[in-house]
Amino acid sequence: MVMQKMSRKNVRLTDFQIKRLQQLSELDGSDPVDHVNKAIDEYLKNQKLDLTSPKEADIVAEFKERLDEPTIAGALWVSGIVDQYEFSALILNNVTKLGIDKGRISKLAIWDPVLRESTNNFIKSCIVNYDRGWDIRPSKIALPYYNKVKLLLDSSMHKFVQKRIYR
């Protein structure tokens, strides 16, 4: 087994990699950490990742489906789309201390469907996951999508409850 050492806070290097960095640094006289930083910067630059999130006003969220939850009286599953992501939420008839902000949303997941299909892994594709507690909190980039879904759910909550009363 190859032991790993910390070179930076979030970068782990093997002993072999550390030795190669030291050799490279001896050759050009620079700090091994500079080589690591340059390599990481070059890698990220080549990834062409857009790490900026859109403004909430530009994000579109809409429902696709509503289904009763047969095991919980008065509960409802809703699913939808928020820009390129999909979401699913379990809405309870009553507020609960285990809900988001002690409300009616007991479960909420927002995920990337392309990543889910390519990895065949639901959790790895999630940008937000709440299941009676936070599993994956919204990051700065995911926050506008979460806020848009939460606003859609909160604004529709009274409609869900009224439909149940008049059934």
Protein backbone atom coordinates (compact mmCIF):
# COMPACT_ATOMS: atom_id res chain seq x y z
CA MET A 1 0.00 0.00 0.00
CA VAL A 2 1.34 3.45 -0.93
CA MET A 3 1.21 5.97 1.91
CA GLN A 4 -0.08 9.41 1.03
CA LYS A 5 1.07 12.69 2.52
CA MET A 6 -0.63 16.06 2.54
CA SER A 7 0.99 18.64 0.30
CA ARG A 8 -1.85 21.14 0.55
CA LYS A 9 -5.11 21.17 2.43
CA ASN A 10 -7.06 19.16 -0.17
CA VAL A 11 -4.32 17.53 -2.24
CA ARG A 12 -2.84 14.16 -1.30
CA LEU A 13 0.43 13.04 -2.85
CA THR A 14 2.07 9.64 -2.78
CA ASP A 15 5.69 9.28 -1.61
CA PHE A 16 6.69 8.75 -5.24
CA GLN A 17 5.01 12.01 -6.29
CA ILE A 18 6.66 13.90 -3.45
CA LYS A 19 10.08 12.51 -4.43
CA ARG A 20 9.54 13.54 -8.08
CA LEU A 21 8.51 17.05 -7.01
CA GLN A 22 11.65 17.34 -4.88
CA GLN A 23 13.78 16.22 -7.83
CA LEU A 24 12.07 18.73 -10.12
CA SER A 25 12.57 21.48 -7.54
CA GLU A 26 16.26 20.64 -7.20
CA LEU A 27 16.55 20.85 -10.98
CA ASP A 28 14.96 24.29 -11.38
CA GLY A 29 15.47 25.69 -7.86
CA SER A 30 11.79 26.40 -7.13
CA ASP A 31 9.58 25.30 -4.24
CA PRO A 32 7.78 21.93 -4.70
CA VAL A 33 4.52 23.57 -3.59
CA ASP A 34 4.81 25.99 -6.53
CA HIS A 35 4.94 23.01 -8.88
CA VAL A 36 1.84 21.52 -7.26
CA ASN A 37 -0.05 24.82 -7.47
CA LYS A 38 0.90 25.27 -11.12
CA ALA A 39 -0.19 21.72 -11.96
CA ILE A 40 -3.55 22.18 -10.21
CA ASP A 41 -4.14 25.56 -11.88
CA GLU A 42 -3.30 24.11 -15.30
CA TYR A 43 -5.59 21.14 -14.72
CA LEU A 44 -8.51 23.35 -13.68
CA LYS A 45 -7.93 25.72 -16.58
CA ASN A 46 -8.12 22.81 -19.03
CA GLN A 47 -11.34 21.50 -17.47
CA LYS A 48 -13.29 24.48 -18.84
CA LEU A 49 -15.67 24.32 -15.90
CA ASP A 50 -18.13 27.15 -15.46
CA LEU A 51 -18.11 27.57 -11.70
CA THR A 52 -20.42 30.55 -11.65
CA SER A 53 -24.07 30.14 -10.87
CA PRO A 54 -26.79 32.04 -12.69
CA LYS A 55 -28.95 34.64 -11.01
CA GLU A 56 -32.04 33.21 -9.35
CA ALA A 57 -34.23 35.35 -11.61
CA ASP A 58 -32.77 33.53 -14.65
CA ILE A 59 -33.45 30.05 -13.24
CA VAL A 60 -36.64 28.28 -14.28
CA ALA A 61 -38.21 25.69 -11.98
CA GLU A 62 -41.39 23.78 -12.74
CA PHE A 63 -43.26 20.70 -11.62
CA LYS A 64 -43.46 17.56 -13.75
CA GLU A 65 -45.38 15.18 -11.53
CA ARG A 66 -47.33 14.90 -8.25
CA LEU A 67 -48.00 11.54 -6.61
CA ASP A 68 -49.54 10.54 -3.29
CA GLU A 69 -47.20 8.81 -0.84
CA PRO A 70 -49.17 5.65 0.07
CA THR A 71 -47.30 4.94 3.33
CA ILE A 72 -47.80 8.41 4.90
CA ALA A 73 -51.30 9.86 5.22
CA GLY A 74 -51.60 13.20 3.45
CA ALA A 75 -48.03 13.14 2.08
CA LEU A 76 -47.24 13.96 -1.53
CA TRP A 77 -44.21 13.38 -3.76
CA VAL A 78 -43.50 16.13 -6.28
CA SER A 79 -40.86 16.16 -8.97
CA GLY A 80 -39.72 18.68 -11.48
CA ILE A 81 -36.97 20.43 -13.37
CA VAL A 82 -34.82 23.37 -12.32
CA ASP A 83 -32.76 24.41 -15.35
CA GLN A 84 -30.49 21.47 -16.25
CA TYR A 85 -31.19 19.68 -12.95
CA GLU A 86 -34.08 17.55 -11.73
CA PHE A 87 -35.62 17.57 -8.27
CA SER A 88 -37.87 15.45 -6.12
CA ALA A 89 -39.46 16.32 -2.77
CA LEU A 90 -41.68 14.69 -0.18
CA ILE A 91 -44.24 17.17 1.13
CA LEU A 92 -46.01 16.29 4.38
CA ASN A 93 -49.52 17.38 5.33
CA ASN A 94 -48.27 18.85 8.63
CA VAL A 95 -45.11 20.65 9.68
CA THR A 96 -42.44 18.51 11.31
CA LYS A 97 -39.31 19.21 13.31
CA LEU A 98 -37.42 16.99 10.83
CA GLY A 99 -38.50 19.07 7.82
CA ILE A 100 -36.43 21.76 6.13
CA ASP A 101 -36.67 24.84 8.38
CA LYS A 102 -39.05 22.77 10.56
CA GLY A 103 -41.61 22.85 7.75
CA ARG A 104 -43.45 20.35 5.56
CA ILE A 105 -40.59 19.43 3.20
CA SER A 106 -39.33 16.14 4.63
CA LYS A 107 -37.11 15.14 1.71
CA LEU A 108 -35.58 17.10 -1.14
CA ALA A 109 -33.03 16.07 -3.73
CA ILE A 110 -31.68 18.10 -6.65
CA TRP A 111 -29.44 16.20 -9.05
CA ASP A 112 -27.76 16.29 -12.42
CA PRO A 113 -29.55 13.71 -14.62
CA VAL A 114 -26.62 13.40 -17.05
CA LEU A 115 -24.21 12.64 -14.20
CA ARG A 116 -26.71 10.25 -12.65
CA GLU A 117 -27.00 8.28 -15.87
CA SER A 118 -23.26 8.23 -16.59
CA THR A 119 -22.26 7.19 -13.04
CA ASN A 120 -25.38 5.18 -12.21
CA ASN A 121 -25.08 6.69 -8.73
CA PHE A 122 -27.83 8.91 -7.34
CA ILE A 123 -25.91 10.43 -4.42
CA LYS A 124 -22.85 11.29 -6.55
CA SER A 125 -25.13 13.15 -8.95
CA CYS A 126 -26.84 15.22 -6.22
CA ILE A 127 -26.02 18.89 -5.72
CA VAL A 128 -28.49 19.04 -2.79
CA ASN A 129 -29.90 16.23 -0.67
CA TYR A 130 -32.09 16.56 2.43
CA ASP A 131 -33.59 13.44 3.99
CA ARG A 132 -34.95 14.50 7.39
CA GLY A 133 -31.55 16.18 7.79
CA TRP A 134 -28.85 17.54 5.49
CA ASP A 135 -26.83 14.92 3.62
CA ILE A 136 -25.57 17.40 1.00
CA ARG A 137 -26.03 21.09 1.84
CA PRO A 138 -26.34 23.54 -1.07
CA SER A 139 -22.92 24.89 -2.06
CA LYS A 140 -22.53 28.49 -3.22
CA ILE A 141 -23.03 27.33 -6.80
CA ALA A 142 -26.04 25.11 -5.95
CA LEU A 143 -27.70 27.66 -3.66
CA PRO A 144 -29.63 29.57 -6.38
CA TYR A 145 -31.11 26.30 -7.67
CA TYR A 146 -32.04 25.22 -4.15
CA ASN A 147 -33.61 28.63 -3.42
CA LYS A 148 -35.64 28.49 -6.64
CA VAL A 149 -36.95 24.97 -5.87
CA LYS A 150 -37.66 25.89 -2.25
CA LEU A 151 -39.59 28.99 -3.38
CA LEU A 152 -41.60 26.89 -5.86
CA LEU A 153 -42.40 24.30 -3.18
CA ASP A 154 -43.26 26.90 -0.52
CA SER A 155 -45.50 28.87 -2.90
CA SER A 156 -47.33 25.70 -3.96
CA MET A 157 -47.70 24.28 -0.45
CA HIS A 158 -51.14 25.80 0.20
CA LYS A 159 -52.39 24.46 -3.17
CA PHE A 160 -51.28 20.94 -2.23
CA VAL A 161 -53.04 21.13 1.13
CA GLN A 162 -56.25 22.60 -0.35
CA LYS A 163 -56.46 19.84 -2.97
CA ARG A 164 -56.24 17.26 -0.20
CA ILE A 165 -58.99 18.92 1.84
CA TYR A 166 -61.43 19.07 -1.07
CA ARG A 167 -60.87 15.52 -2.36
